[in-house]
Amino acid sequence: MEATSELPDHRTYTAMTQEGEAAVGRIAIWAAYVEQHLVDLCAELINGSNLVVGHTVTANMSASAMIELAKKLLAESDTTSAENKAITVAALTEAKAALGQRNKILHATVGSSLVEGNTAFYNSRRKKVPGTAGKLHQLEVALHSPAELDAIGARLYKAMDDLWECYLSVSFERGK
């Protein structure tokens, strides 16, 4: 019996290199940490003495909603310095942008590309545009190399790290 080196279908039809697949995995990993740090930051801002209250309030909230909530809570905080407010708002703004990039990767249909080493990411947007058959969904496509995907993962890692530093600063100012 001859040994086969063929990969199973779920590994062969991604139209991506192993480096690209690994980079997409890192995008997912660091984005999950960004979201967890958003939960923790909101919980601290809501009630630092009892984080369960904040975790309850943010349950089932989207990352965008938590970012907006954190910005509002920061604006009203009398225990967070102006400097830390500014740093944290900047970190929240960057986290939102990085998560937006993540969404365009993780919520896309993946396909092959004629450009060697690149993968096509197709996003069907909800916006409809005029077409010959009436209103058609707008299709957005972006080509990314493994290096570009890795850069998105690195951006999410930095956003995660910055949010953690903001959480620690806010927590420290509250006397914890």
C-alpha atoms as a PDB file:
ATOM      1  CA  MET A   1       0.000   0.000   0.000  1.00  0.00           C
ATOM      2  CA  GLU A   2       1.400   3.354  -1.027  1.00  0.00           C
ATOM      3  CA  ALA A   3       1.582   6.180   1.537  1.00  0.00           C
ATOM      4  CA  THR A   4      -0.221   9.312   0.494  1.00  0.00           C
ATOM      5  CA  SER A   5       1.009  12.812   1.227  1.00  0.00           C
ATOM      6  CA  GLU A   6      -2.173  14.495   0.077  1.00  0.00           C
ATOM      7  CA  LEU A   7      -3.702  16.975   2.458  1.00  0.00           C
ATOM      8  CA  PRO A   8      -7.377  16.716   3.383  1.00  0.00           C
ATOM      9  CA  ASP A   9      -9.768  18.997   1.497  1.00  0.00           C
ATOM     10  CA  HIS A  10     -10.096  21.518   4.330  1.00  0.00           C
ATOM     11  CA  ARG A  11      -6.349  22.164   3.986  1.00  0.00           C
ATOM     12  CA  THR A  12      -6.108  22.341   0.202  1.00  0.00           C
ATOM     13  CA  TYR A  13      -8.934  24.624  -0.892  1.00  0.00           C
ATOM     14  CA  THR A  14      -7.962  27.791   0.940  1.00  0.00           C
ATOM     15  CA  ALA A  15      -5.870  29.083  -1.980  1.00  0.00           C
ATOM     16  CA  MET A  16      -3.333  30.263   0.593  1.00  0.00           C
ATOM     17  CA  THR A  17       0.226  29.391   1.467  1.00  0.00           C
ATOM     18  CA  GLN A  18       0.930  27.920   4.878  1.00  0.00           C
ATOM     19  CA  GLU A  19       2.480  31.267   5.838  1.00  0.00           C
ATOM     20  CA  GLY A  20      -0.737  33.043   4.838  1.00  0.00           C
ATOM     21  CA  GLU A  21      -2.870  30.587   6.767  1.00  0.00           C
ATOM     22  CA  ALA A  22      -0.670  31.022   9.851  1.00  0.00           C
ATOM     23  CA  ALA A  23      -0.889  34.821   9.544  1.00  0.00           C
ATOM     24  CA  VAL A  24      -4.703  34.654   9.391  1.00  0.00           C
ATOM     25  CA  GLY A  25      -4.609  32.504  12.523  1.00  0.00           C
ATOM     26  CA  ARG A  26      -2.522  35.127  14.305  1.00  0.00           C
ATOM     27  CA  ILE A  27      -5.003  37.808  13.208  1.00  0.00           C
ATOM     28  CA  ALA A  28      -7.763  35.811  14.907  1.00  0.00           C
ATOM     29  CA  ILE A  29      -5.698  35.175  18.038  1.00  0.00           C
ATOM     30  CA  TRP A  30      -4.640  38.795  18.630  1.00  0.00           C
ATOM     31  CA  ALA A  31      -8.097  40.139  17.779  1.00  0.00           C
ATOM     32  CA  ALA A  32      -9.576  37.910  20.486  1.00  0.00           C
ATOM     33  CA  TYR A  33      -7.114  39.389  22.982  1.00  0.00           C
ATOM     34  CA  VAL A  34      -8.027  42.919  21.859  1.00  0.00           C
ATOM     35  CA  GLU A  35     -11.674  42.126  22.530  1.00  0.00           C
ATOM     36  CA  GLN A  36     -10.881  40.643  25.959  1.00  0.00           C
ATOM     37  CA  HIS A  37      -8.879  43.721  26.919  1.00  0.00           C
ATOM     38  CA  LEU A  38     -11.816  45.877  25.821  1.00  0.00           C
ATOM     39  CA  VAL A  39     -14.055  43.906  28.195  1.00  0.00           C
ATOM     40  CA  ASP A  40     -11.541  44.311  31.030  1.00  0.00           C
ATOM     41  CA  LEU A  41     -11.062  48.044  30.387  1.00  0.00           C
ATOM     42  CA  CYS A  42     -14.818  48.660  30.313  1.00  0.00           C
ATOM     43  CA  ALA A  43     -15.282  46.601  33.481  1.00  0.00           C
ATOM     44  CA  GLU A  44     -12.623  48.682  35.239  1.00  0.00           C
ATOM     45  CA  LEU A  45     -14.199  51.934  34.084  1.00  0.00           C
ATOM     46  CA  ILE A  46     -17.706  50.818  35.079  1.00  0.00           C
ATOM     47  CA  ASN A  47     -16.872  49.535  38.547  1.00  0.00           C
ATOM     48  CA  GLY A  48     -13.235  48.843  39.326  1.00  0.00           C
ATOM     49  CA  SER A  49     -14.053  47.561  42.784  1.00  0.00           C
ATOM     50  CA  ASN A  50     -16.331  44.850  41.361  1.00  0.00           C
ATOM     51  CA  LEU A  51     -15.337  43.825  37.824  1.00  0.00           C
ATOM     52  CA  VAL A  52     -18.229  41.355  37.625  1.00  0.00           C
ATOM     53  CA  VAL A  53     -20.579  44.329  37.198  1.00  0.00           C
ATOM     54  CA  GLY A  54     -18.628  45.541  34.163  1.00  0.00           C
ATOM     55  CA  HIS A  55     -18.377  42.056  32.700  1.00  0.00           C
ATOM     56  CA  THR A  56     -22.146  41.710  33.053  1.00  0.00           C
ATOM     57  CA  VAL A  57     -22.808  45.057  31.371  1.00  0.00           C
ATOM     58  CA  THR A  58     -20.532  44.253  28.420  1.00  0.00           C
ATOM     59  CA  ALA A  59     -21.789  40.696  27.897  1.00  0.00           C
ATOM     60  CA  ASN A  60     -22.833  40.254  24.260  1.00  0.00           C
ATOM     61  CA  MET A  61     -21.632  43.741  23.269  1.00  0.00           C
ATOM     62  CA  SER A  62     -19.743  44.099  20.010  1.00  0.00           C
ATOM     63  CA  ALA A  63     -16.181  45.374  20.076  1.00  0.00           C
ATOM     64  CA  SER A  64     -17.327  48.634  18.465  1.00  0.00           C
ATOM     65  CA  ALA A  65     -19.963  49.117  21.140  1.00  0.00           C
ATOM     66  CA  MET A  66     -17.396  48.474  23.893  1.00  0.00           C
ATOM     67  CA  ILE A  67     -15.022  50.988  22.315  1.00  0.00           C
ATOM     68  CA  GLU A  68     -17.744  53.650  22.266  1.00  0.00           C
ATOM     69  CA  LEU A  69     -18.750  52.786  25.838  1.00  0.00           C
ATOM     70  CA  ALA A  70     -15.137  53.036  27.032  1.00  0.00           C
ATOM     71  CA  LYS A  71     -14.765  56.451  25.379  1.00  0.00           C
ATOM     72  CA  LYS A  72     -17.928  57.707  27.104  1.00  0.00           C
ATOM     73  CA  LEU A  73     -16.858  56.289  30.465  1.00  0.00           C
ATOM     74  CA  LEU A  74     -13.428  57.892  30.112  1.00  0.00           C
ATOM     75  CA  ALA A  75     -14.987  61.256  29.331  1.00  0.00           C
ATOM     76  CA  GLU A  76     -17.008  61.053  32.569  1.00  0.00           C
ATOM     77  CA  SER A  77     -14.228  59.589  34.733  1.00  0.00           C
ATOM     78  CA  ASP A  78     -13.008  61.759  37.583  1.00  0.00           C
ATOM     79  CA  THR A  79     -10.270  59.265  38.536  1.00  0.00           C
ATOM     80  CA  THR A  80      -8.479  59.106  35.182  1.00  0.00           C
ATOM     81  CA  SER A  81      -5.954  61.822  34.382  1.00  0.00           C
ATOM     82  CA  ALA A  82      -6.292  63.879  31.211  1.00  0.00           C
ATOM     83  CA  GLU A  83      -3.067  62.322  29.935  1.00  0.00           C
ATOM     84  CA  ASN A  84      -4.325  58.762  30.466  1.00  0.00           C
ATOM     85  CA  LYS A  85      -7.680  59.672  28.932  1.00  0.00           C
ATOM     86  CA  ALA A  86      -5.935  60.909  25.788  1.00  0.00           C
ATOM     87  CA  ILE A  87      -3.647  57.858  25.586  1.00  0.00           C
ATOM     88  CA  THR A  88      -6.563  55.478  26.132  1.00  0.00           C
ATOM     89  CA  VAL A  89      -8.805  57.183  23.563  1.00  0.00           C
ATOM     90  CA  ALA A  90      -5.954  56.941  21.047  1.00  0.00           C
ATOM     91  CA  ALA A  91      -5.519  53.233  21.860  1.00  0.00           C
ATOM     92  CA  LEU A  92      -9.271  52.654  21.494  1.00  0.00           C
ATOM     93  CA  THR A  93      -9.306  54.452  18.140  1.00  0.00           C
ATOM     94  CA  GLU A  94      -6.400  52.342  16.887  1.00  0.00           C
ATOM     95  CA  ALA A  95      -8.030  49.148  18.202  1.00  0.00           C
ATOM     96  CA  LYS A  96     -11.180  49.974  16.234  1.00  0.00           C
ATOM     97  CA  ALA A  97      -9.165  50.497  13.043  1.00  0.00           C
ATOM     98  CA  ALA A  98      -7.189  47.278  13.572  1.00  0.00           C
ATOM     99  CA  LEU A  99     -10.382  45.308  14.234  1.00  0.00           C
ATOM    100  CA  GLY A 100     -11.837  46.794  11.048  1.00  0.00           C
ATOM    101  CA  GLN A 101      -8.906  45.317   9.125  1.00  0.00           C
ATOM    102  CA  ARG A 102      -9.456  42.011  10.918  1.00  0.00           C
ATOM    103  CA  ASN A 103     -13.091  41.966   9.853  1.00  0.00           C
ATOM    104  CA  LYS A 104     -12.138  42.393   6.199  1.00  0.00           C
ATOM    105  CA  ILE A 105      -9.956  39.294   6.486  1.00  0.00           C
ATOM    106  CA  LEU A 106     -11.899  36.973   8.778  1.00  0.00           C
ATOM    107  CA  HIS A 107     -15.335  37.741   7.300  1.00  0.00           C
ATOM    108  CA  ALA A 108     -14.196  37.425   3.693  1.00  0.00           C
ATOM    109  CA  THR A 109     -14.527  34.624   1.237  1.00  0.00           C
ATOM    110  CA  VAL A 110     -11.012  33.549   0.289  1.00  0.00           C
ATOM    111  CA  GLY A 111      -9.962  32.871  -3.267  1.00  0.00           C
ATOM    112  CA  SER A 112      -6.937  32.470  -5.427  1.00  0.00           C
ATOM    113  CA  SER A 113      -5.197  35.317  -7.179  1.00  0.00           C
ATOM    114  CA  LEU A 114      -3.302  35.680 -10.414  1.00  0.00           C
ATOM    115  CA  VAL A 115      -0.649  37.562  -8.455  1.00  0.00           C
ATOM    116  CA  GLU A 116       1.809  34.939  -7.232  1.00  0.00           C
ATOM    117  CA  GLY A 117       1.785  34.484  -3.452  1.00  0.00           C
ATOM    118  CA  ASN A 118      -1.264  36.692  -2.883  1.00  0.00           C
ATOM    119  CA  THR A 119      -4.700  35.640  -1.724  1.00  0.00           C
ATOM    120  CA  ALA A 120      -7.928  37.360  -2.708  1.00  0.00           C
ATOM    121  CA  PHE A 121     -10.340  38.326   0.075  1.00  0.00           C
ATOM    122  CA  TYR A 122     -13.887  38.979  -1.171  1.00  0.00           C
ATOM    123  CA  ASN A 123     -16.254  40.953   1.037  1.00  0.00           C
ATOM    124  CA  SER A 124     -19.882  41.265  -0.006  1.00  0.00           C
ATOM    125  CA  ARG A 125     -21.036  44.483   1.574  1.00  0.00           C
ATOM    126  CA  ARG A 126     -24.625  45.122   2.580  1.00  0.00           C
ATOM    127  CA  LYS A 127     -24.659  48.304   0.518  1.00  0.00           C
ATOM    128  CA  LYS A 128     -26.431  47.836  -2.779  1.00  0.00           C
ATOM    129  CA  VAL A 129     -25.440  49.679  -5.921  1.00  0.00           C
ATOM    130  CA  PRO A 130     -27.360  50.175  -9.193  1.00  0.00           C
ATOM    131  CA  GLY A 131     -26.818  47.441 -11.758  1.00  0.00           C
ATOM    132  CA  THR A 132     -28.363  46.157 -14.965  1.00  0.00           C
ATOM    133  CA  ALA A 133     -30.636  43.812 -12.994  1.00  0.00           C
ATOM    134  CA  GLY A 134     -31.673  46.385 -10.392  1.00  0.00           C
ATOM    135  CA  LYS A 135     -29.827  46.790  -7.105  1.00  0.00           C
ATOM    136  CA  LEU A 136     -26.799  44.531  -6.721  1.00  0.00           C
ATOM    137  CA  HIS A 137     -24.635  43.865  -3.673  1.00  0.00           C
ATOM    138  CA  GLN A 138     -21.357  45.708  -3.847  1.00  0.00           C
ATOM    139  CA  LEU A 139     -18.381  43.332  -3.920  1.00  0.00           C
ATOM    140  CA  GLU A 140     -15.085  44.449  -2.426  1.00  0.00           C
ATOM    141  CA  VAL A 141     -11.907  42.513  -3.138  1.00  0.00           C
ATOM    142  CA  ALA A 142      -8.441  42.937  -1.660  1.00  0.00           C
ATOM    143  CA  LEU A 143      -5.257  41.026  -2.409  1.00  0.00           C
ATOM    144  CA  HIS A 144      -2.911  40.286   0.479  1.00  0.00           C
ATOM    145  CA  SER A 145       0.452  38.603   0.689  1.00  0.00           C
ATOM    146  CA  PRO A 146       1.454  36.589   3.762  1.00  0.00           C
ATOM    147  CA  ALA A 147       3.645  39.536   4.824  1.00  0.00           C
ATOM    148  CA  GLU A 148       0.690  41.939   4.614  1.00  0.00           C
ATOM    149  CA  LEU A 149      -1.459  39.541   6.634  1.00  0.00           C
ATOM    150  CA  ASP A 150       1.323  39.257   9.190  1.00  0.00           C
ATOM    151  CA  ALA A 151       1.440  43.064   9.440  1.00  0.00           C
ATOM    152  CA  ILE A 152      -2.290  43.092  10.266  1.00  0.00           C
ATOM    153  CA  GLY A 153      -1.609  40.530  13.011  1.00  0.00           C
ATOM    154  CA  ALA A 154       1.250  42.674  14.308  1.00  0.00           C
ATOM    155  CA  ARG A 155      -1.047  45.724  14.360  1.00  0.00           C
ATOM    156  CA  LEU A 156      -3.597  43.788  16.401  1.00  0.00           C
ATOM    157  CA  TYR A 157      -0.860  42.594  18.758  1.00  0.00           C
ATOM    158  CA  LYS A 158       0.242  46.190  19.344  1.00  0.00           C
ATOM    159  CA  ALA A 159      -3.391  47.290  19.855  1.00  0.00           C
ATOM    160  CA  MET A 160      -3.815  44.476  22.384  1.00  0.00           C
ATOM    161  CA  ASP A 161      -0.628  45.456  24.205  1.00  0.00           C
ATOM    162  CA  ASP A 162      -1.568  49.160  24.230  1.00  0.00           C
ATOM    163  CA  LEU A 163      -5.047  48.401  25.608  1.00  0.00           C
ATOM    164  CA  TRP A 164      -3.518  46.282  28.371  1.00  0.00           C
ATOM    165  CA  GLU A 165      -1.208  49.159  29.325  1.00  0.00           C
ATOM    166  CA  CYS A 166      -4.217  51.505  29.376  1.00  0.00           C
ATOM    167  CA  TYR A 167      -6.120  49.073  31.592  1.00  0.00           C
ATOM    168  CA  LEU A 168      -3.186  48.944  34.021  1.00  0.00           C
ATOM    169  CA  SER A 169      -2.875  52.752  34.049  1.00  0.00           C
ATOM    170  CA  VAL A 170      -6.585  53.300  34.646  1.00  0.00           C
ATOM    171  CA  SER A 171      -6.594  50.641  37.345  1.00  0.00           C
ATOM    172  CA  PHE A 172      -3.501  52.134  39.015  1.00  0.00           C
ATOM    173  CA  GLU A 173      -5.027  55.623  39.062  1.00  0.00           C
ATOM    174  CA  ARG A 174      -8.086  54.213  40.785  1.00  0.00           C
ATOM    175  CA  GLY A 175      -5.817  53.029  43.585  1.00  0.00           C
ATOM    176  CA  LYS A 176      -5.817  49.310  42.896  1.00  0.00           C
END
